C-alpha atoms as a PDB file:
ATOM      1  CA  MET A   1     -12.531  -9.298  -0.404  1.00  0.00           C
ATOM      2  CA  SER A   2     -12.860  -6.923   2.662  1.00  0.00           C
ATOM      3  CA  ALA A   3     -10.950  -7.548   5.459  1.00  0.00           C
ATOM      4  CA  LEU A   4     -13.759  -9.015   7.869  1.00  0.00           C
ATOM      5  CA  VAL A   5     -14.066 -11.509   4.717  1.00  0.00           C
ATOM      6  CA  TYR A   6     -10.233 -12.875   5.610  1.00  0.00           C
ATOM      7  CA  SER A   7     -10.647 -12.384   9.469  1.00  0.00           C
ATOM      8  CA  LEU A   8     -13.360 -14.948   9.046  1.00  0.00           C
ATOM      9  CA  ILE A   9     -11.226 -17.092   7.435  1.00  0.00           C
ATOM     10  CA  ALA A  10      -9.079 -17.092   9.658  1.00  0.00           C
ATOM     11  CA  ALA A  11     -11.002 -17.782  12.491  1.00  0.00           C
ATOM     12  CA  ALA A  12     -12.344 -20.806  11.092  1.00  0.00           C
ATOM     13  CA  ALA A  13      -8.638 -21.681  11.088  1.00  0.00           C
ATOM     14  CA  ASN A  14      -8.680 -21.648  14.451  1.00  0.00           C
ATOM     15  CA  VAL A  15     -11.661 -23.891  14.470  1.00  0.00           C
ATOM     16  CA  ALA A  16      -9.419 -26.332  12.229  1.00  0.00           C
ATOM     17  CA  GLY A  17      -6.852 -26.421  14.538  1.00  0.00           C
ATOM     18  CA  ALA A  18      -8.980 -27.500  17.689  1.00  0.00           C
ATOM     19  CA  ALA A  19     -11.318 -30.013  15.462  1.00  0.00           C
ATOM     20  CA  ALA A  20      -7.527 -31.546  15.178  1.00  0.00           C
ATOM     21  CA  VAL A  21      -7.243 -32.336  18.458  1.00  0.00           C
ATOM     22  CA  THR A  22     -10.869 -32.982  19.667  1.00  0.00           C
ATOM     23  CA  SER A  23     -11.657 -35.160  16.959  1.00  0.00           C
ATOM     24  CA  ARG A  24      -9.054 -37.600  18.510  1.00  0.00           C
ATOM     25  CA  ARG A  25      -7.332 -37.777  14.534  1.00  0.00           C
ATOM     26  CA  ALA A  26      -3.871 -38.813  14.529  1.00  0.00           C
ATOM     27  CA  TRP A  27      -1.706 -35.487  14.425  1.00  0.00           C
ATOM     28  CA  SER A  28       1.945 -35.152  13.664  1.00  0.00           C
ATOM     29  CA  THR A  29       4.205 -33.270  16.100  1.00  0.00           C
ATOM     30  CA  ARG A  30       6.920 -32.937  13.261  1.00  0.00           C
ATOM     31  CA  THR A  31       4.103 -31.592  10.925  1.00  0.00           C
ATOM     32  CA  LEU A  32       2.843 -29.146  13.330  1.00  0.00           C
ATOM     33  CA  GLU A  33       6.550 -27.833  13.811  1.00  0.00           C
ATOM     34  CA  LEU A  34       7.315 -27.421  10.093  1.00  0.00           C
ATOM     35  CA  LEU A  35       3.765 -25.568   9.908  1.00  0.00           C
ATOM     36  CA  ILE A  36       5.490 -23.140  12.837  1.00  0.00           C
ATOM     37  CA  ALA A  37       8.703 -22.796  11.214  1.00  0.00           C
ATOM     38  CA  LEU A  38       7.262 -21.471   7.750  1.00  0.00           C
ATOM     39  CA  ALA A  39       4.625 -19.237   9.975  1.00  0.00           C
ATOM     40  CA  ALA A  40       7.743 -17.548  12.132  1.00  0.00           C
ATOM     41  CA  GLY A  41       9.797 -16.982   9.108  1.00  0.00           C
ATOM     42  CA  PHE A  42       6.864 -15.348   7.142  1.00  0.00           C
ATOM     43  CA  MET A  43       5.753 -13.275   9.995  1.00  0.00           C
ATOM     44  CA  LEU A  44       9.070 -12.245  10.936  1.00  0.00           C
ATOM     45  CA  SER A  45       9.261 -10.716   7.695  1.00  0.00           C
ATOM     46  CA  VAL A  46       5.535  -9.357   7.462  1.00  0.00           C
ATOM     47  CA  ALA A  47       6.474  -7.314  10.324  1.00  0.00           C
ATOM     48  CA  LEU A  48      10.190  -6.313   9.911  1.00  0.00           C
ATOM     49  CA  ALA A  49      10.107  -5.549   6.299  1.00  0.00           C
ATOM     50  CA  ASP A  50       6.426  -3.892   6.130  1.00  0.00           C
ATOM     51  CA  LEU A  51       4.482  -3.545   9.269  1.00  0.00           C
ATOM     52  CA  ILE A  52       7.257  -2.052  11.398  1.00  0.00           C
ATOM     53  CA  PRO A  53       8.860   0.882   8.955  1.00  0.00           C
ATOM     54  CA  ASP A  54       5.429   1.792   7.708  1.00  0.00           C
ATOM     55  CA  ALA A  55       4.208   2.545  11.122  1.00  0.00           C
ATOM     56  CA  ILE A  56       7.604   4.503  11.511  1.00  0.00           C
ATOM     57  CA  ALA A  57       7.079   6.403   8.603  1.00  0.00           C
ATOM     58  CA  ARG A  58       3.522   7.490   9.754  1.00  0.00           C
ATOM     59  CA  ASP A  59       4.282   8.572  13.065  1.00  0.00           C
ATOM     60  CA  GLY A  60       8.258   8.391  13.707  1.00  0.00           C
ATOM     61  CA  GLN A  61       9.191   7.826  17.433  1.00  0.00           C
ATOM     62  CA  ARG A  62       5.415   7.631  18.476  1.00  0.00           C
ATOM     63  CA  GLY A  63       4.825   4.725  16.001  1.00  0.00           C
ATOM     64  CA  ALA A  64       8.213   2.912  17.271  1.00  0.00           C
ATOM     65  CA  MET A  65       5.943   3.148  21.091  1.00  0.00           C
ATOM     66  CA  PHE A  66       3.305   1.889  19.757  1.00  0.00           C
ATOM     67  CA  VAL A  67       5.441  -0.803  18.564  1.00  0.00           C
ATOM     68  CA  LEU A  68       7.393  -1.297  21.785  1.00  0.00           C
ATOM     69  CA  GLY A  69       3.517  -1.196  23.680  1.00  0.00           C
ATOM     70  CA  GLY A  70       2.383  -4.035  21.262  1.00  0.00           C
ATOM     71  CA  PHE A  71       5.099  -6.397  22.146  1.00  0.00           C
ATOM     72  CA  LEU A  72       4.970  -6.254  25.572  1.00  0.00           C
ATOM     73  CA  LEU A  73       0.916  -6.743  25.958  1.00  0.00           C
ATOM     74  CA  VAL A  74       2.008  -9.743  23.807  1.00  0.00           C
ATOM     75  CA  HIS A  75       4.482 -11.029  26.600  1.00  0.00           C
ATOM     76  CA  LEU A  76       2.459  -9.539  29.626  1.00  0.00           C
ATOM     77  CA  THR A  77      -0.494 -11.312  28.688  1.00  0.00           C
ATOM     78  CA  GLN A  78       0.822 -14.890  27.047  1.00  0.00           C
ATOM     79  CA  HIS A  79       4.050 -15.278  30.010  1.00  0.00           C
ATOM     80  CA  ALA A  80       3.859 -12.764  32.759  1.00  0.00           C
ATOM     81  CA  MET A  81       0.144 -13.327  33.254  1.00  0.00           C
ATOM     82  CA  THR A  82       0.445 -16.805  32.402  1.00  0.00           C
ATOM     83  CA  GLY A  83       2.076 -19.434  33.931  1.00  0.00           C
ATOM     84  CA  HIS A  84       2.134 -21.864  31.107  1.00  0.00           C
ATOM     85  CA  PHE A  85       1.650 -21.699  27.492  1.00  0.00           C
ATOM     86  CA  HIS A  86       3.209 -23.064  24.255  1.00  0.00           C
ATOM     87  CA  PHE A  87       1.997 -23.506  20.855  1.00  0.00           C
ATOM     88  CA  GLY A  88       1.135 -26.924  20.247  1.00  0.00           C
ATOM     89  CA  GLU A  89      -0.603 -29.971  21.852  1.00  0.00           C
ATOM     90  CA  GLU A  90      -0.595 -29.720  25.032  1.00  0.00           C
ATOM     91  CA  THR A  91       0.091 -33.658  26.784  1.00  0.00           C
ATOM     92  CA  HIS A  92       0.482 -33.072  30.507  1.00  0.00           C
ATOM     93  CA  ALA A  93      -2.246 -32.247  32.626  1.00  0.00           C
ATOM     94  CA  VAL A  94      -2.790 -28.884  33.642  1.00  0.00           C
ATOM     95  CA  SER A  95      -5.441 -26.258  36.193  1.00  0.00           C
ATOM     96  CA  GLY A  96      -8.442 -24.466  35.152  1.00  0.00           C
ATOM     97  CA  ARG A  97      -6.542 -21.470  35.806  1.00  0.00           C
ATOM     98  CA  VAL A  98      -3.807 -22.538  33.726  1.00  0.00           C
ATOM     99  CA  SER A  99      -6.627 -23.524  30.962  1.00  0.00           C
ATOM    100  CA  ALA A 100      -8.335 -19.816  31.558  1.00  0.00           C
ATOM    101  CA  SER A 101      -5.496 -17.389  32.195  1.00  0.00           C
ATOM    102  CA  ALA A 102      -3.975 -18.707  28.343  1.00  0.00           C
ATOM    103  CA  LEU A 103      -7.799 -18.193  26.814  1.00  0.00           C
ATOM    104  CA  ALA A 104      -7.014 -14.762  28.172  1.00  0.00           C
ATOM    105  CA  GLY A 105      -3.845 -13.956  27.254  1.00  0.00           C
ATOM    106  CA  LEU A 106      -4.633 -15.552  24.063  1.00  0.00           C
ATOM    107  CA  LEU A 107      -7.792 -13.741  23.329  1.00  0.00           C
ATOM    108  CA  LEU A 108      -5.821 -10.284  23.469  1.00  0.00           C
ATOM    109  CA  HIS A 109      -3.513 -11.729  20.822  1.00  0.00           C
ATOM    110  CA  THR A 110      -6.097 -12.724  18.577  1.00  0.00           C
ATOM    111  CA  PHE A 111      -7.770  -9.224  19.208  1.00  0.00           C
ATOM    112  CA  CYS A 112      -4.935  -8.070  17.977  1.00  0.00           C
ATOM    113  CA  ASP A 113      -4.711 -10.440  15.020  1.00  0.00           C
ATOM    114  CA  GLY A 114      -8.178  -8.703  14.150  1.00  0.00           C
ATOM    115  CA  VAL A 115      -6.477  -5.196  14.625  1.00  0.00           C
ATOM    116  CA  ALA A 116      -3.282  -6.112  12.535  1.00  0.00           C
ATOM    117  CA  ILE A 117      -5.238  -7.530   9.552  1.00  0.00           C
ATOM    118  CA  ALA A 118      -7.927  -4.390   9.519  1.00  0.00           C
ATOM    119  CA  SER A 119      -5.020  -1.627   9.494  1.00  0.00           C
ATOM    120  CA  GLY A 120      -2.846  -3.927   6.407  1.00  0.00           C
ATOM    121  CA  PHE A 121      -6.302  -2.945   4.659  1.00  0.00           C
ATOM    122  CA  LEU A 122      -6.569   0.369   5.339  1.00  0.00           C
ATOM    123  CA  VAL A 123      -3.037   0.715   4.516  1.00  0.00           C
ATOM    124  CA  SER A 124      -3.051  -1.084   1.213  1.00  0.00           C
ATOM    125  CA  PRO A 125      -4.783  -4.531  -0.387  1.00  0.00           C
ATOM    126  CA  GLU A 126      -1.821  -5.663  -1.082  1.00  0.00           C
ATOM    127  CA  LEU A 127      -0.523  -4.969   3.194  1.00  0.00           C
ATOM    128  CA  GLY A 128      -3.333  -7.001   3.978  1.00  0.00           C
ATOM    129  CA  LEU A 129      -3.313  -9.621   1.943  1.00  0.00           C
ATOM    130  CA  LEU A 130       0.681 -10.410   3.519  1.00  0.00           C
ATOM    131  CA  VAL A 131      -0.332  -9.549   7.589  1.00  0.00           C
ATOM    132  CA  PHE A 132      -3.594 -11.851   6.672  1.00  0.00           C
ATOM    133  CA  GLY A 133      -1.178 -14.464   5.195  1.00  0.00           C
ATOM    134  CA  ALA A 134       1.272 -14.440   8.186  1.00  0.00           C
ATOM    135  CA  ILE A 135      -1.878 -14.410  10.632  1.00  0.00           C
ATOM    136  CA  VAL A 136      -3.719 -17.654   8.986  1.00  0.00           C
ATOM    137  CA  LEU A 137      -0.310 -19.519   9.117  1.00  0.00           C
ATOM    138  CA  HIS A 138       0.011 -19.593  12.591  1.00  0.00           C
ATOM    139  CA  LYS A 139      -3.898 -19.965  13.168  1.00  0.00           C
ATOM    140  CA  LEU A 140      -3.788 -23.670  12.796  1.00  0.00           C
ATOM    141  CA  PRO A 141      -1.680 -24.093  15.956  1.00  0.00           C
ATOM    142  CA  GLU A 142      -3.192 -21.678  17.899  1.00  0.00           C
ATOM    143  CA  GLY A 143      -6.558 -23.267  17.647  1.00  0.00           C
ATOM    144  CA  LEU A 144      -4.872 -26.526  18.182  1.00  0.00           C
ATOM    145  CA  ALA A 145      -2.951 -24.989  21.751  1.00  0.00           C
ATOM    146  CA  ILE A 146      -5.773 -23.366  22.949  1.00  0.00           C
ATOM    147  CA  SER A 147      -8.058 -26.853  22.642  1.00  0.00           C
ATOM    148  CA  SER A 148      -5.625 -29.067  24.151  1.00  0.00           C
ATOM    149  CA  LEU A 149      -4.880 -26.641  26.839  1.00  0.00           C
ATOM    150  CA  VAL A 150      -8.860 -26.967  27.657  1.00  0.00           C
ATOM    151  CA  LEU A 151      -9.040 -30.754  27.278  1.00  0.00           C
ATOM    152  CA  ALA A 152      -5.540 -31.371  29.746  1.00  0.00           C
ATOM    153  CA  ALA A 153      -7.473 -28.988  32.635  1.00  0.00           C
ATOM    154  CA  GLY A 154     -10.461 -31.807  32.499  1.00  0.00           C
ATOM    155  CA  GLY A 155     -12.899 -29.621  30.123  1.00  0.00           C
ATOM    156  CA  THR A 156     -14.815 -31.554  27.312  1.00  0.00           C
ATOM    157  CA  ARG A 157     -14.646 -31.581  23.521  1.00  0.00           C
ATOM    158  CA  ALA A 158     -17.674 -28.860  23.286  1.00  0.00           C
ATOM    159  CA  ALA A 159     -15.377 -26.482  25.505  1.00  0.00           C
ATOM    160  CA  ALA A 160     -12.439 -27.367  23.672  1.00  0.00           C
ATOM    161  CA  LEU A 161     -13.662 -26.418  20.925  1.00  0.00           C
ATOM    162  CA  GLY A 162     -15.743 -22.974  21.999  1.00  0.00           C
ATOM    163  CA  ALA A 163     -12.531 -22.251  23.415  1.00  0.00           C
ATOM    164  CA  ALA A 164     -11.364 -21.842  19.470  1.00  0.00           C
ATOM    165  CA  ALA A 165     -14.022 -20.271  18.137  1.00  0.00           C
ATOM    166  CA  LEU A 166     -14.026 -16.969  20.744  1.00  0.00           C
ATOM    167  CA  LEU A 167     -10.073 -16.629  19.786  1.00  0.00           C
ATOM    168  CA  GLY A 168     -11.816 -16.497  16.106  1.00  0.00           C
ATOM    169  CA  ALA A 169     -14.879 -14.360  17.813  1.00  0.00           C
ATOM    170  CA  ALA A 170     -11.699 -11.708  18.489  1.00  0.00           C
ATOM    171  CA  THR A 171     -10.393 -11.707  15.558  1.00  0.00           C
ATOM    172  CA  VAL A 172     -13.624 -10.342  14.031  1.00  0.00           C
ATOM    173  CA  ALA A 173     -14.238  -8.233  16.516  1.00  0.00           C
ATOM    174  CA  GLY A 174     -10.170  -6.840  15.896  1.00  0.00           C
ATOM    175  CA  VAL A 175     -11.397  -5.727  12.344  1.00  0.00           C
ATOM    176  CA  LEU A 176     -14.865  -4.136  12.832  1.00  0.00           C
ATOM    177  CA  LEU A 177     -13.687  -2.112  15.865  1.00  0.00           C
ATOM    178  CA  THR A 178     -10.651  -0.995  14.350  1.00  0.00           C
ATOM    179  CA  ASN A 179     -12.618   0.057  11.433  1.00  0.00           C
ATOM    180  CA  ILE A 180     -14.797   2.238  13.497  1.00  0.00           C
ATOM    181  CA  THR A 181     -12.738   3.116  15.992  1.00  0.00           C
ATOM    182  CA  GLY A 182      -9.836   6.234  15.037  1.00  0.00           C
ATOM    183  CA  PRO A 183      -7.084   5.885  17.295  1.00  0.00           C
ATOM    184  CA  LEU A 184      -6.896   2.267  16.724  1.00  0.00           C
ATOM    185  CA  ALA A 185      -7.312   2.288  13.148  1.00  0.00           C
ATOM    186  CA  HIS A 186      -4.305   5.200  13.106  1.00  0.00           C
ATOM    187  CA  TYR A 187      -1.688   3.172  15.427  1.00  0.00           C
ATOM    188  CA  GLY A 188      -3.003  -0.595  14.516  1.00  0.00           C
ATOM    189  CA  LEU A 189      -0.364  -0.834  12.702  1.00  0.00           C
ATOM    190  CA  ALA A 190       2.328   0.183  14.617  1.00  0.00           C
ATOM    191  CA  LEU A 191       0.901  -1.916  17.414  1.00  0.00           C
ATOM    192  CA  SER A 192       0.242  -5.015  14.789  1.00  0.00           C
ATOM    193  CA  GLY A 193       4.487  -4.396  14.051  1.00  0.00           C
ATOM    194  CA  GLY A 194       5.293  -5.394  17.700  1.00  0.00           C
ATOM    195  CA  VAL A 195       2.248  -8.039  18.165  1.00  0.00           C
ATOM    196  CA  THR A 196       3.193  -9.939  15.337  1.00  0.00           C
ATOM    197  CA  LEU A 197       7.138  -9.587  16.200  1.00  0.00           C
ATOM    198  CA  TYR A 198       6.546 -11.155  19.474  1.00  0.00           C
ATOM    199  CA  VAL A 199       4.588 -14.314  17.738  1.00  0.00           C
ATOM    200  CA  GLY A 200       7.189 -14.801  15.456  1.00  0.00           C
ATOM    201  CA  ALA A 201      10.165 -14.414  17.749  1.00  0.00           C
ATOM    202  CA  SER A 202       9.340 -14.898  20.843  1.00  0.00           C
ATOM    203  CA  ASN A 203       5.792 -17.875  20.536  1.00  0.00           C
ATOM    204  CA  LEU A 204       6.696 -19.359  17.550  1.00  0.00           C
ATOM    205  CA  ILE A 205      10.781 -19.823  16.755  1.00  0.00           C
ATOM    206  CA  PRO A 206      11.671 -21.697  20.234  1.00  0.00           C
ATOM    207  CA  GLU A 207       9.077 -24.348  19.225  1.00  0.00           C
ATOM    208  CA  PHE A 208      11.204 -25.526  16.749  1.00  0.00           C
ATOM    209  CA  GLN A 209      14.591 -24.162  17.777  1.00  0.00           C
ATOM    210  CA  GLY A 210      17.372 -26.941  18.713  1.00  0.00           C
ATOM    211  CA  LYS A 211      15.349 -29.855  16.941  1.00  0.00           C
ATOM    212  CA  ALA A 212      17.375 -32.088  15.402  1.00  0.00           C
ATOM    213  CA  GLY A 213      17.855 -32.226  11.406  1.00  0.00           C
ATOM    214  CA  TRP A 214      17.746 -29.311   9.182  1.00  0.00           C
ATOM    215  CA  LEU A 215      14.371 -29.578   8.114  1.00  0.00           C
ATOM    216  CA  HIS A 216      12.575 -27.042  10.604  1.00  0.00           C
ATOM    217  CA  ASN A 217      15.498 -24.444   9.672  1.00  0.00           C
ATOM    218  CA  ALA A 218      14.386 -25.160   5.721  1.00  0.00           C
ATOM    219  CA  ALA A 219      10.785 -24.459   6.685  1.00  0.00           C
ATOM    220  CA  PHE A 220      12.043 -21.163   8.634  1.00  0.00           C
ATOM    221  CA  PHE A 221      13.862 -19.755   5.524  1.00  0.00           C
ATOM    222  CA  GLY A 222      11.215 -21.171   2.826  1.00  0.00           C
ATOM    223  CA  GLY A 223       8.685 -18.711   5.438  1.00  0.00           C
ATOM    224  CA  VAL A 224      10.900 -16.271   4.607  1.00  0.00           C
ATOM    225  CA  ALA A 225      11.473 -17.208   1.274  1.00  0.00           C
ATOM    226  CA  PHE A 226       7.582 -17.703   0.474  1.00  0.00           C
ATOM    227  CA  TYR A 227       7.089 -14.084   2.055  1.00  0.00           C
ATOM    228  CA  ALA A 228       9.393 -12.654  -0.412  1.00  0.00           C
ATOM    229  CA  LEU A 229       7.351 -14.845  -3.486  1.00  0.00           C
ATOM    230  CA  ALA A 230       4.327 -13.162  -2.127  1.00  0.00           C
ATOM    231  CA  ARG A 231       5.494  -9.380  -1.926  1.00  0.00           C
ATOM    232  CA  ILE A 232       7.044  -9.733  -5.649  1.00  0.00           C
ATOM    233  CA  GLY A 233       3.615 -11.104  -6.850  1.00  0.00           C
ATOM    234  CA  LEU A 234       1.400  -8.507  -5.225  1.00  0.00           C
ATOM    235  CA  ALA A 235       3.828  -5.982  -6.170  1.00  0.00           C
END
């Protein structure tokens, strides 16, 4: 399958996360935390073992600067410019401004998800699949987060689903633009490395860090083991 098809699957995961909130079905917070921990382990492994080394091998110091740029870009849009955002269901009322700013930040992030998928497949099918795995694992909590924020701001269920669909569309747009834009195709791997590192380390790990019990850490290291097995299987 092509990178575009995989981006459509990832986009569907955004909408599925939103549907888990808007359908009003019971959602296990612990299950969400364990999924986030698994995704964090997988994402950090892909970023540190594949994306960043490949980007630096390709462009040296310039590649490293683009990695840093991707890292800073996500922090700017999700935290410096957005006063309130976390992966997981929002349980407190928020303002419409908070909801809109979180959506704007996540749109850039999910666009970079698409860039990452396309850049990975441009290097090799194996890397593309690893990047896709890292991204699709956090798409469900991402869709859940934005839809619950919209609802917490007083939005309708249709608006919540629409916000998640916009995130999915941004991922597809990232793939399409990377495939037709030379500079984005060249430096997309480095940008993706910085974005993936940030999401895994700064967005996902704090969601389960310090939780009681051993299951969260087991899920995190399980994500790393899952990556290692996937890498061996794709070799």
